[in-house]
Amino acid sequence: MTNPMDDRRAVSVTVTGRVQGVWYRGWTVEQARARQLDGWVRNREDGSVEALFAGHGSDVDAMLDACWQGPANAIVINVKVSEAADPGLSGFDQRPTV
């Protein structure tokens, strides 16, 4: 029997550009939950948005592609991705700015 956790991937993401004040975090929560991802998103004091996405590899990849687009008023310059520790089945939420 195949373990559903075998296909999981977790990544840490930093998105730069005009990504604060344009509903990027709220959009990210909606998009991640629609893909049944676990993790979180938050603003950073340097103007970027940071997130952790975990879930099935194809869903994580789809979320990373979506991050380049963002909500309507966002202007994404870069999406930096690095592998991360899987937080487990934690749901997806918005965290306070750091």
PDB file of N, CA and C in Angstrom:
ATOM      1  N   MET A   1       0.844  -1.187   0.000  1.00  0.00           N
ATOM      2  CA  MET A   1       0.000   0.000   0.000  1.00  0.00           C
ATOM      3  C   MET A   1       0.891   1.253   0.000  1.00  0.00           C
ATOM      4  N   THR A   2       0.544   2.236  -0.795  1.00  0.00           N
ATOM      5  CA  THR A   2       1.329   3.457  -0.914  1.00  0.00           C
ATOM      6  C   THR A   2       0.967   4.441   0.196  1.00  0.00           C
ATOM      7  N   ASN A   3       1.984   5.004   0.807  1.00  0.00           N
ATOM      8  CA  ASN A   3       1.789   6.007   1.854  1.00  0.00           C
ATOM      9  C   ASN A   3       1.518   7.355   1.188  1.00  0.00           C
ATOM     10  N   PRO A   4       0.394   8.052   1.504  1.00  0.00           N
ATOM     11  CA  PRO A   4       0.097   9.342   0.877  1.00  0.00           C
ATOM     12  C   PRO A   4       1.126  10.417   1.225  1.00  0.00           C
ATOM     13  N   MET A   5       1.916  10.203   2.271  1.00  0.00           N
ATOM     14  CA  MET A   5       2.936  11.178   2.645  1.00  0.00           C
ATOM     15  C   MET A   5       4.174  11.062   1.754  1.00  0.00           C
ATOM     16  N   ASP A   6       4.282   9.971   0.977  1.00  0.00           N
ATOM     17  CA  ASP A   6       5.458   9.758   0.129  1.00  0.00           C
ATOM     18  C   ASP A   6       5.603  10.810  -0.955  1.00  0.00           C
ATOM     19  N   ASP A   7       4.499  11.333  -1.448  1.00  0.00           N
ATOM     20  CA  ASP A   7       4.527  12.301  -2.543  1.00  0.00           C
ATOM     21  C   ASP A   7       4.613  13.742  -2.039  1.00  0.00           C
ATOM     22  N   ARG A   8       4.793  13.931  -0.750  1.00  0.00           N
ATOM     23  CA  ARG A   8       4.802  15.297  -0.204  1.00  0.00           C
ATOM     24  C   ARG A   8       6.130  16.003  -0.432  1.00  0.00           C
ATOM     25  N   ARG A   9       5.999  17.296  -0.620  1.00  0.00           N
ATOM     26  CA  ARG A   9       7.153  18.183  -0.795  1.00  0.00           C
ATOM     27  C   ARG A   9       6.876  19.431   0.024  1.00  0.00           C
ATOM     28  N   ALA A  10       7.918  20.012   0.595  1.00  0.00           N
ATOM     29  CA  ALA A  10       7.768  21.264   1.341  1.00  0.00           C
ATOM     30  C   ALA A  10       8.814  22.248   0.859  1.00  0.00           C
ATOM     31  N   VAL A  11       8.380  23.498   0.634  1.00  0.00           N
ATOM     32  CA  VAL A  11       9.289  24.539   0.174  1.00  0.00           C
ATOM     33  C   VAL A  11       9.053  25.829   0.942  1.00  0.00           C
ATOM     34  N   SER A  12      10.135  26.557   1.136  1.00  0.00           N
ATOM     35  CA  SER A  12      10.083  27.902   1.690  1.00  0.00           C
ATOM     36  C   SER A  12      10.191  28.865   0.514  1.00  0.00           C
ATOM     37  N   VAL A  13       9.368  29.915   0.519  1.00  0.00           N
ATOM     38  CA  VAL A  13       9.286  30.824  -0.618  1.00  0.00           C
ATOM     39  C   VAL A  13       9.377  32.265  -0.131  1.00  0.00           C
ATOM     40  N   THR A  14      10.142  33.080  -0.857  1.00  0.00           N
ATOM     41  CA  THR A  14      10.165  34.523  -0.629  1.00  0.00           C
ATOM     42  C   THR A  14       9.792  35.202  -1.938  1.00  0.00           C
ATOM     43  N   VAL A  15       8.735  36.008  -1.896  1.00  0.00           N
ATOM     44  CA  VAL A  15       8.223  36.683  -3.091  1.00  0.00           C
ATOM     45  C   VAL A  15       8.531  38.170  -2.951  1.00  0.00           C
ATOM     46  N   THR A  16       9.161  38.735  -3.972  1.00  0.00           N
ATOM     47  CA  THR A  16       9.496  40.161  -3.953  1.00  0.00           C
ATOM     48  C   THR A  16       8.828  40.879  -5.116  1.00  0.00           C
ATOM     49  N   GLY A  17       8.705  42.187  -4.961  1.00  0.00           N
ATOM     50  CA  GLY A  17       8.045  43.046  -5.940  1.00  0.00           C
ATOM     51  C   GLY A  17       7.006  43.874  -5.207  1.00  0.00           C
ATOM     52  N   ARG A  18       5.945  44.245  -5.905  1.00  0.00           N
ATOM     53  CA  ARG A  18       4.847  44.941  -5.227  1.00  0.00           C
ATOM     54  C   ARG A  18       3.885  43.855  -4.744  1.00  0.00           C
ATOM     55  N   VAL A  19       4.168  43.347  -3.545  1.00  0.00           N
ATOM     56  CA  VAL A  19       3.414  42.210  -3.011  1.00  0.00           C
ATOM     57  C   VAL A  19       2.803  42.492  -1.640  1.00  0.00           C
ATOM     58  N   GLN A  20       2.983  43.696  -1.126  1.00  0.00           N
ATOM     59  CA  GLN A  20       2.315  44.088   0.111  1.00  0.00           C
ATOM     60  C   GLN A  20       1.340  45.207  -0.217  1.00  0.00           C
ATOM     61  N   GLY A  21       0.201  45.199   0.466  1.00  0.00           N
ATOM     62  CA  GLY A  21      -0.830  46.199   0.215  1.00  0.00           C
ATOM     63  C   GLY A  21      -1.660  45.898  -1.023  1.00  0.00           C
ATOM     64  N   VAL A  22      -1.535  44.684  -1.563  1.00  0.00           N
ATOM     65  CA  VAL A  22      -2.278  44.296  -2.762  1.00  0.00           C
ATOM     66  C   VAL A  22      -3.057  43.001  -2.540  1.00  0.00           C
ATOM     67  N   TRP A  23      -3.207  42.578  -1.283  1.00  0.00           N
ATOM     68  CA  TRP A  23      -3.945  41.381  -0.897  1.00  0.00           C
ATOM     69  C   TRP A  23      -3.224  40.098  -1.280  1.00  0.00           C
ATOM     70  N   TYR A  24      -1.897  40.145  -1.337  1.00  0.00           N
ATOM     71  CA  TYR A  24      -1.139  38.951  -1.708  1.00  0.00           C
ATOM     72  C   TYR A  24      -1.291  37.841  -0.666  1.00  0.00           C
ATOM     73  N   ARG A  25      -1.226  38.192   0.620  1.00  0.00           N
ATOM     74  CA  ARG A  25      -1.363  37.155   1.664  1.00  0.00           C
ATOM     75  C   ARG A  25      -2.725  36.493   1.626  1.00  0.00           C
ATOM     76  N   GLY A  26      -3.787  37.279   1.554  1.00  0.00           N
ATOM     77  CA  GLY A  26      -5.136  36.714   1.510  1.00  0.00           C
ATOM     78  C   GLY A  26      -5.339  35.834   0.289  1.00  0.00           C
ATOM     79  N   TRP A  27      -4.823  36.282  -0.841  1.00  0.00           N
ATOM     80  CA  TRP A  27      -4.885  35.503  -2.079  1.00  0.00           C
ATOM     81  C   TRP A  27      -4.123  34.183  -1.913  1.00  0.00           C
ATOM     82  N   THR A  28      -2.954  34.267  -1.269  1.00  0.00           N
ATOM     83  CA  THR A  28      -2.139  33.066  -1.061  1.00  0.00           C
ATOM     84  C   THR A  28      -2.876  32.049  -0.195  1.00  0.00           C
ATOM     85  N   VAL A  29      -3.523  32.510   0.862  1.00  0.00           N
ATOM     86  CA  VAL A  29      -4.292  31.611   1.724  1.00  0.00           C
ATOM     87  C   VAL A  29      -5.372  30.908   0.894  1.00  0.00           C
ATOM     88  N   GLU A  30      -6.123  31.655   0.099  1.00  0.00           N
ATOM     89  CA  GLU A  30      -7.176  31.061  -0.728  1.00  0.00           C
ATOM     90  C   GLU A  30      -6.610  30.022  -1.700  1.00  0.00           C
ATOM     91  N   GLN A  31      -5.526  30.396  -2.387  1.00  0.00           N
ATOM     92  CA  GLN A  31      -4.927  29.511  -3.382  1.00  0.00           C
ATOM     93  C   GLN A  31      -4.360  28.243  -2.743  1.00  0.00           C
ATOM     94  N   ALA A  32      -3.684  28.402  -1.631  1.00  0.00           N
ATOM     95  CA  ALA A  32      -3.076  27.246  -0.952  1.00  0.00           C
ATOM     96  C   ALA A  32      -4.148  26.309  -0.410  1.00  0.00           C
ATOM     97  N   ARG A  33      -5.181  26.860   0.197  1.00  0.00           N
ATOM     98  CA  ARG A  33      -6.255  26.014   0.720  1.00  0.00           C
ATOM     99  C   ARG A  33      -6.985  25.296  -0.412  1.00  0.00           C
ATOM    100  N   ALA A  34      -7.173  25.958  -1.549  1.00  0.00           N
ATOM    101  CA  ALA A  34      -7.829  25.322  -2.699  1.00  0.00           C
ATOM    102  C   ALA A  34      -7.023  24.122  -3.197  1.00  0.00           C
ATOM    103  N   ARG A  35      -5.713  24.183  -3.007  1.00  0.00           N
ATOM    104  CA  ARG A  35      -4.827  23.084  -3.408  1.00  0.00           C
ATOM    105  C   ARG A  35      -4.573  22.102  -2.262  1.00  0.00           C
ATOM    106  N   GLN A  36      -5.248  22.313  -1.134  1.00  0.00           N
ATOM    107  CA  GLN A  36      -5.122  21.473   0.064  1.00  0.00           C
ATOM    108  C   GLN A  36      -3.681  21.409   0.570  1.00  0.00           C
ATOM    109  N   LEU A  37      -3.001  22.563   0.540  1.00  0.00           N
ATOM    110  CA  LEU A  37      -1.628  22.637   1.031  1.00  0.00           C
ATOM    111  C   LEU A  37      -1.610  22.972   2.510  1.00  0.00           C
ATOM    112  N   ASP A  38      -0.547  22.577   3.170  1.00  0.00           N
ATOM    113  CA  ASP A  38      -0.286  22.944   4.554  1.00  0.00           C
ATOM    114  C   ASP A  38       0.789  24.020   4.555  1.00  0.00           C
ATOM    115  N   GLY A  39       0.824  24.822   5.624  1.00  0.00           N
ATOM    116  CA  GLY A  39       1.862  25.829   5.748  1.00  0.00           C
ATOM    117  C   GLY A  39       1.316  27.166   6.201  1.00  0.00           C
ATOM    118  N   TRP A  40       1.974  28.232   5.762  1.00  0.00           N
ATOM    119  CA  TRP A  40       1.617  29.574   6.214  1.00  0.00           C
ATOM    120  C   TRP A  40       2.181  30.624   5.258  1.00  0.00           C
ATOM    121  N   VAL A  41       1.707  31.877   5.433  1.00  0.00           N
ATOM    122  CA  VAL A  41       2.194  33.020   4.670  1.00  0.00           C
ATOM    123  C   VAL A  41       2.244  34.221   5.603  1.00  0.00           C
ATOM    124  N   ARG A  42       3.214  35.102   5.394  1.00  0.00           N
ATOM    125  CA  ARG A  42       3.313  36.322   6.203  1.00  0.00           C
ATOM    126  C   ARG A  42       4.081  37.392   5.435  1.00  0.00           C
ATOM    127  N   ASN A  43       3.808  38.650   5.793  1.00  0.00           N
ATOM    128  CA  ASN A  43       4.598  39.773   5.282  1.00  0.00           C
ATOM    129  C   ASN A  43       5.897  39.853   6.053  1.00  0.00           C
ATOM    130  N   ARG A  44       6.910  40.404   5.400  1.00  0.00           N
ATOM    131  CA  ARG A  44       8.179  40.681   6.067  1.00  0.00           C
ATOM    132  C   ARG A  44       8.401  42.185   6.064  1.00  0.00           C
ATOM    133  N   GLU A  45       9.097  42.670   7.064  1.00  0.00           N
ATOM    134  CA  GLU A  45       9.324  44.113   7.180  1.00  0.00           C
ATOM    135  C   GLU A  45      10.094  44.686   5.999  1.00  0.00           C
ATOM    136  N   ASP A  46      10.820  43.842   5.244  1.00  0.00           N
ATOM    137  CA  ASP A  46      11.570  44.337   4.086  1.00  0.00           C
ATOM    138  C   ASP A  46      10.694  44.513   2.840  1.00  0.00           C
ATOM    139  N   GLY A  47       9.369  44.264   2.970  1.00  0.00           N
ATOM    140  CA  GLY A  47       8.449  44.451   1.853  1.00  0.00           C
ATOM    141  C   GLY A  47       8.154  43.184   1.073  1.00  0.00           C
ATOM    142  N   SER A  48       8.807  42.091   1.410  1.00  0.00           N
ATOM    143  CA  SER A  48       8.558  40.820   0.717  1.00  0.00           C
ATOM    144  C   SER A  48       7.451  40.045   1.425  1.00  0.00           C
ATOM    145  N   VAL A  49       7.042  38.953   0.799  1.00  0.00           N
ATOM    146  CA  VAL A  49       6.096  38.018   1.393  1.00  0.00           C
ATOM    147  C   VAL A  49       6.816  36.680   1.490  1.00  0.00           C
ATOM    148  N   GLU A  50       6.694  36.034   2.649  1.00  0.00           N
ATOM    149  CA  GLU A  50       7.341  34.746   2.895  1.00  0.00           C
ATOM    150  C   GLU A  50       6.259  33.697   3.108  1.00  0.00           C
ATOM    151  N   ALA A  51       6.489  32.494   2.580  1.00  0.00           N
ATOM    152  CA  ALA A  51       5.508  31.423   2.748  1.00  0.00           C
ATOM    153  C   ALA A  51       6.198  30.078   2.859  1.00  0.00           C
ATOM    154  N   LEU A  52       5.477  29.142   3.435  1.00  0.00           N
ATOM    155  CA  LEU A  52       5.893  27.739   3.480  1.00  0.00           C
ATOM    156  C   LEU A  52       4.731  26.939   2.908  1.00  0.00           C
ATOM    157  N   PHE A  53       5.005  26.190   1.848  1.00  0.00           N
ATOM    158  CA  PHE A  53       3.992  25.348   1.215  1.00  0.00           C
ATOM    159  C   PHE A  53       4.403  23.894   1.353  1.00  0.00           C
ATOM    160  N   ALA A  54       3.460  23.039   1.753  1.00  0.00           N
ATOM    161  CA  ALA A  54       3.725  21.608   1.849  1.00  0.00           C
ATOM    162  C   ALA A  54       2.502  20.856   1.362  1.00  0.00           C
ATOM    163  N   GLY A  55       2.742  19.803   0.607  1.00  0.00           N
ATOM    164  CA  GLY A  55       1.649  18.997   0.093  1.00  0.00           C
ATOM    165  C   GLY A  55       2.148  18.114  -1.024  1.00  0.00           C
ATOM    166  N   HIS A  56       1.218  17.575  -1.792  1.00  0.00           N
ATOM    167  CA  HIS A  56       1.602  16.747  -2.937  1.00  0.00           C
ATOM    168  C   HIS A  56       2.470  17.573  -3.874  1.00  0.00           C
ATOM    169  N   GLY A  57       3.507  16.944  -4.402  1.00  0.00           N
ATOM    170  CA  GLY A  57       4.467  17.648  -5.241  1.00  0.00           C
ATOM    171  C   GLY A  57       3.840  18.449  -6.362  1.00  0.00           C
ATOM    172  N   SER A  58       2.863  17.878  -7.057  1.00  0.00           N
ATOM    173  CA  SER A  58       2.235  18.589  -8.184  1.00  0.00           C
ATOM    174  C   SER A  58       1.442  19.805  -7.703  1.00  0.00           C
ATOM    175  N   ASP A  59       0.833  19.717  -6.518  1.00  0.00           N
ATOM    176  CA  ASP A  59       0.089  20.852  -5.971  1.00  0.00           C
ATOM    177  C   ASP A  59       1.035  21.961  -5.529  1.00  0.00           C
ATOM    178  N   VAL A  60       2.165  21.588  -4.941  1.00  0.00           N
ATOM    179  CA  VAL A  60       3.173  22.587  -4.555  1.00  0.00           C
ATOM    180  C   VAL A  60       3.699  23.276  -5.816  1.00  0.00           C
ATOM    181  N   ASP A  61       4.010  22.511  -6.850  1.00  0.00           N
ATOM    182  CA  ASP A  61       4.503  23.098  -8.096  1.00  0.00           C
ATOM    183  C   ASP A  61       3.484  24.062  -8.701  1.00  0.00           C
ATOM    184  N   ALA A  62       2.195  23.681  -8.670  1.00  0.00           N
ATOM    185  CA  ALA A  62       1.145  24.560  -9.195  1.00  0.00           C
ATOM    186  C   ALA A  62       1.063  25.850  -8.386  1.00  0.00           C
ATOM    187  N   MET A  63       1.235  25.755  -7.060  1.00  0.00           N
ATOM    188  CA  MET A  63       1.210  26.944  -6.212  1.00  0.00           C
ATOM    189  C   MET A  63       2.391  27.846  -6.519  1.00  0.00           C
ATOM    190  N   LEU A  64       3.560  27.259  -6.734  1.00  0.00           N
ATOM    191  CA  LEU A  64       4.736  28.065  -7.074  1.00  0.00           C
ATOM    192  C   LEU A  64       4.520  28.801  -8.384  1.00  0.00           C
ATOM    193  N   ASP A  65       3.931  28.143  -9.363  1.00  0.00           N
ATOM    194  CA  ASP A  65       3.615  28.816 -10.630  1.00  0.00           C
ATOM    195  C   ASP A  65       2.652  29.970 -10.392  1.00  0.00           C
ATOM    196  N   ALA A  66       1.638  29.749  -9.558  1.00  0.00           N
ATOM    197  CA  ALA A  66       0.645  30.785  -9.271  1.00  0.00           C
ATOM    198  C   ALA A  66       1.274  31.982  -8.557  1.00  0.00           C
ATOM    199  N   CYS A  67       2.282  31.736  -7.724  1.00  0.00           N
ATOM    200  CA  CYS A  67       2.938  32.826  -6.986  1.00  0.00           C
ATOM    201  C   CYS A  67       3.551  33.863  -7.913  1.00  0.00           C
ATOM    202  N   TRP A  68       3.968  33.446  -9.087  1.00  0.00           N
ATOM    203  CA  TRP A  68       4.531  34.393 -10.058  1.00  0.00           C
ATOM    204  C   TRP A  68       3.471  35.366 -10.568  1.00  0.00           C
ATOM    205  N   GLN A  69       2.216  34.959 -10.537  1.00  0.00           N
ATOM    206  CA  GLN A  69       1.122  35.817 -10.998  1.00  0.00           C
ATOM    207  C   GLN A  69       0.582  36.661  -9.848  1.00  0.00           C
ATOM    208  N   GLY A  70       0.182  36.001  -8.770  1.00  0.00           N
ATOM    209  CA  GLY A  70      -0.378  36.708  -7.624  1.00  0.00           C
ATOM    210  C   GLY A  70      -1.736  37.307  -7.926  1.00  0.00           C
ATOM    211  N   PRO A  71      -2.260  38.105  -6.988  1.00  0.00           N
ATOM    212  CA  PRO A  71      -3.550  38.765  -7.203  1.00  0.00           C
ATOM    213  C   PRO A  71      -3.411  39.886  -8.242  1.00  0.00           C
ATOM    214  N   ALA A  72      -4.536  40.433  -8.657  1.00  0.00           N
ATOM    215  CA  ALA A  72      -4.581  41.382  -9.778  1.00  0.00           C
ATOM    216  C   ALA A  72      -3.611  42.559  -9.669  1.00  0.00           C
ATOM    217  N   ASN A  73      -3.444  43.163  -8.498  1.00  0.00           N
ATOM    218  CA  ASN A  73      -2.620  44.368  -8.379  1.00  0.00           C
ATOM    219  C   ASN A  73      -1.164  44.105  -8.012  1.00  0.00           C
ATOM    220  N   ALA A  74      -0.800  42.859  -7.881  1.00  0.00           N
ATOM    221  CA  ALA A  74       0.590  42.524  -7.539  1.00  0.00           C
ATOM    222  C   ALA A  74       1.486  42.631  -8.769  1.00  0.00           C
ATOM    223  N   ILE A  75       2.731  42.990  -8.510  1.00  0.00           N
ATOM    224  CA  ILE A  75       3.770  42.950  -9.538  1.00  0.00           C
ATOM    225  C   ILE A  75       4.911  42.131  -8.948  1.00  0.00           C
ATOM    226  N   VAL A  76       4.993  40.889  -9.354  1.00  0.00           N
ATOM    227  CA  VAL A  76       5.984  39.967  -8.805  1.00  0.00           C
ATOM    228  C   VAL A  76       7.277  40.094  -9.604  1.00  0.00           C
ATOM    229  N   ILE A  77       8.379  40.338  -8.887  1.00  0.00           N
ATOM    230  CA  ILE A  77       9.698  40.438  -9.512  1.00  0.00           C
ATOM    231  C   ILE A  77      10.444  39.119  -9.399  1.00  0.00           C
ATOM    232  N   ASN A  78      10.332  38.458  -8.242  1.00  0.00           N
ATOM    233  CA  ASN A  78      11.062  37.212  -8.051  1.00  0.00           C
ATOM    234  C   ASN A  78      10.327  36.306  -7.059  1.00  0.00           C
ATOM    235  N   VAL A  79      10.459  35.009  -7.274  1.00  0.00           N
ATOM    236  CA  VAL A  79       9.959  33.991  -6.348  1.00  0.00           C
ATOM    237  C   VAL A  79      11.145  33.079  -6.053  1.00  0.00           C
ATOM    238  N   LYS A  80      11.736  33.264  -4.878  1.00  0.00           N
ATOM    239  CA  LYS A  80      12.893  32.465  -4.466  1.00  0.00           C
ATOM    240  C   LYS A  80      12.392  31.247  -3.704  1.00  0.00           C
ATOM    241  N   VAL A  81      12.818  30.063  -4.127  1.00  0.00           N
ATOM    242  CA  VAL A  81      12.328  28.807  -3.560  1.00  0.00           C
ATOM    243  C   VAL A  81      13.480  27.990  -3.004  1.00  0.00           C
ATOM    244  N   SER A  82      13.292  27.436  -1.811  1.00  0.00           N
ATOM    245  CA  SER A  82      14.261  26.495  -1.263  1.00  0.00           C
ATOM    246  C   SER A  82      13.488  25.372  -0.570  1.00  0.00           C
ATOM    247  N   GLU A  83      14.075  24.186  -0.566  1.00  0.00           N
ATOM    248  CA  GLU A  83      13.437  23.049   0.093  1.00  0.00           C
ATOM    249  C   GLU A  83      13.344  23.330   1.599  1.00  0.00           C
ATOM    250  N   ALA A  84      12.318  22.789   2.242  1.00  0.00           N
ATOM    251  CA  ALA A  84      12.078  23.062   3.660  1.00  0.00           C
ATOM    252  C   ALA A  84      11.592  21.795   4.365  1.00  0.00           C
ATOM    253  N   ALA A  85      11.581  21.850   5.688  1.00  0.00           N
ATOM    254  CA  ALA A  85      11.038  20.747   6.486  1.00  0.00           C
ATOM    255  C   ALA A  85       9.516  20.761   6.380  1.00  0.00           C
ATOM    256  N   ASP A  86       8.938  19.601   6.241  1.00  0.00           N
ATOM    257  CA  ASP A  86       7.489  19.467   6.127  1.00  0.00           C
ATOM    258  C   ASP A  86       6.848  19.710   7.492  1.00  0.00           C
ATOM    259  N   PRO A  87       5.887  20.661   7.587  1.00  0.00           N
ATOM    260  CA  PRO A  87       5.231  20.920   8.870  1.00  0.00           C
ATOM    261  C   PRO A  87       4.178  19.879   9.229  1.00  0.00           C
ATOM    262  N   GLY A  88       3.930  18.941   8.332  1.00  0.00           N
ATOM    263  CA  GLY A  88       2.890  17.946   8.578  1.00  0.00           C
ATOM    264  C   GLY A  88       1.526  18.487   8.209  1.00  0.00           C
ATOM    265  N   LEU A  89       0.503  17.789   8.614  1.00  0.00           N
ATOM    266  CA  LEU A  89      -0.867  18.157   8.269  1.00  0.00           C
ATOM    267  C   LEU A  89      -1.348  19.235   9.217  1.00  0.00           C
ATOM    268  N   SER A  90      -1.006  20.473   8.901  1.00  0.00           N
ATOM    269  CA  SER A  90      -1.265  21.598   9.810  1.00  0.00           C
ATOM    270  C   SER A  90      -2.293  22.580   9.305  1.00  0.00           C
ATOM    271  N   GLY A  91      -2.804  22.400   8.084  1.00  0.00           N
ATOM    272  CA  GLY A  91      -3.672  23.407   7.481  1.00  0.00           C
ATOM    273  C   GLY A  91      -2.840  24.563   6.966  1.00  0.00           C
ATOM    274  N   PHE A  92      -3.482  25.601   6.452  1.00  0.00           N
ATOM    275  CA  PHE A  92      -2.757  26.748   5.911  1.00  0.00           C
ATOM    276  C   PHE A  92      -3.319  28.018   6.519  1.00  0.00           C
ATOM    277  N   ASP A  93      -2.427  28.860   7.064  1.00  0.00           N
ATOM    278  CA  ASP A  93      -2.895  30.086   7.703  1.00  0.00           C
ATOM    279  C   ASP A  93      -1.989  31.274   7.418  1.00  0.00           C
ATOM    280  N   GLN A  94      -2.473  32.420   7.835  1.00  0.00           N
ATOM    281  CA  GLN A  94      -1.744  33.689   7.686  1.00  0.00           C
ATOM    282  C   GLN A  94      -1.128  34.030   9.028  1.00  0.00           C
ATOM    283  N   ARG A  95       0.142  34.407   9.010  1.00  0.00           N
ATOM    284  CA  ARG A  95       0.861  34.745  10.243  1.00  0.00           C
ATOM    285  C   ARG A  95       1.164  36.247  10.294  1.00  0.00           C
ATOM    286  N   PRO A  96       1.487  36.751  11.492  1.00  0.00           N
ATOM    287  CA  PRO A  96       1.836  38.167  11.630  1.00  0.00           C
ATOM    288  C   PRO A  96       3.152  38.504  10.923  1.00  0.00           C
ATOM    289  N   THR A  97       3.295  39.756  10.589  1.00  0.00           N
ATOM    290  CA  THR A  97       4.496  40.284   9.946  1.00  0.00           C
ATOM    291  C   THR A  97       5.712  40.096  10.847  1.00  0.00           C
ATOM    292  N   VAL A  98       6.844  39.772  10.222  1.00  0.00           N
ATOM    293  CA  VAL A  98       8.126  39.673  10.953  1.00  0.00           C
ATOM    294  C   VAL A  98       9.162  40.557  10.312  1.00  0.00           C
TER     295      VAL A  98
END
